[in-house]
């Protein structure tokens, strides 16, 4: 039985607000399918979500905000 495979480009990154535009350029050049980001600030998330690089996104703090 033949198996079909589909390549999937995945990256994991500590994505803080510093340098977000440079990181967006790198993400675009790598043609990522999936970004697993940690230490994401709200502004960094908004920049990635607004970039149009991904069809959808989810930000965990929208589901369970941290106590102030």
Protein backbone atom coordinates (compact mmCIF):
# COMPACT_ATOMS: atom_id res chain seq x y z
CA UNK A 1 0.00 0.00 0.00
CA UNK A 2 1.41 3.38 -1.00
CA UNK A 3 1.45 6.16 1.55
CA UNK A 4 1.01 9.79 0.65
CA UNK A 5 2.83 12.38 2.67
CA UNK A 6 2.31 16.10 2.91
CA UNK A 7 5.20 18.25 4.05
CA UNK A 8 4.37 20.49 7.00
CA UNK A 9 6.60 23.42 7.95
CA UNK A 10 6.47 23.99 11.73
CA UNK A 11 8.36 26.43 13.95
CA UNK A 12 8.38 27.00 17.68
CA UNK A 13 9.39 30.40 19.00
CA UNK A 14 9.49 32.65 22.05
CA UNK A 15 7.67 35.52 20.39
CA UNK A 16 7.79 38.63 22.52
CA UNK A 17 6.99 42.08 21.16
CA UNK A 18 10.65 42.94 20.48
CA UNK A 19 11.54 42.59 16.83
CA UNK A 20 8.12 41.39 15.71
CA UNK A 21 8.38 42.92 12.18
CA UNK A 22 11.72 41.16 11.58
CA UNK A 23 10.25 37.91 12.83
CA UNK A 24 7.24 38.30 10.54
CA UNK A 25 9.60 38.69 7.58
CA UNK A 26 11.42 35.51 8.59
CA UNK A 27 8.15 33.60 9.10
CA UNK A 28 7.00 34.66 5.66
CA UNK A 29 10.29 33.65 4.02
CA UNK A 30 10.11 30.20 5.68
CA UNK A 31 6.52 29.71 4.48
CA UNK A 32 5.39 28.22 7.80
CA UNK A 33 2.24 26.13 8.05
CA UNK A 34 2.16 26.12 11.84
CA UNK A 35 3.70 28.40 14.47
CA UNK A 36 3.87 27.20 18.07
CA UNK A 37 4.65 30.37 20.00
CA UNK A 38 5.29 30.88 23.69
CA UNK A 39 5.87 33.98 25.83
CA UNK A 40 3.63 35.87 23.43
CA UNK A 41 2.54 39.38 24.36
CA UNK A 42 -0.85 40.64 23.25
CA UNK A 43 0.80 43.09 20.83
CA UNK A 44 2.98 40.36 19.29
CA UNK A 45 -0.06 38.10 18.86
CA UNK A 46 -2.04 40.90 17.21
CA UNK A 47 0.85 41.59 14.81
CA UNK A 48 1.07 37.93 13.77
CA UNK A 49 -2.72 37.59 13.48
CA UNK A 50 -2.96 40.76 11.36
CA UNK A 51 -0.06 39.73 9.10
CA UNK A 52 -2.17 37.37 7.00
CA UNK A 53 0.51 34.68 7.19
CA UNK A 54 -1.87 32.16 8.77
CA UNK A 55 -5.49 31.32 7.99
CA UNK A 56 -6.46 31.34 11.68
CA UNK A 57 -4.96 31.76 15.12
CA UNK A 58 -5.71 31.32 18.81
CA UNK A 59 -4.28 33.19 21.80
CA UNK A 60 -4.56 31.28 25.07
CA UNK A 61 -5.07 34.42 27.15
CA UNK A 62 -8.31 35.05 25.24
CA UNK A 63 -9.61 31.82 26.79
CA UNK A 64 -8.16 32.06 30.29
CA UNK A 65 -6.82 35.52 31.18
CA UNK A 66 -4.11 35.78 33.78
CA UNK A 67 -5.09 37.41 37.08
CA UNK A 68 -3.76 40.92 37.51
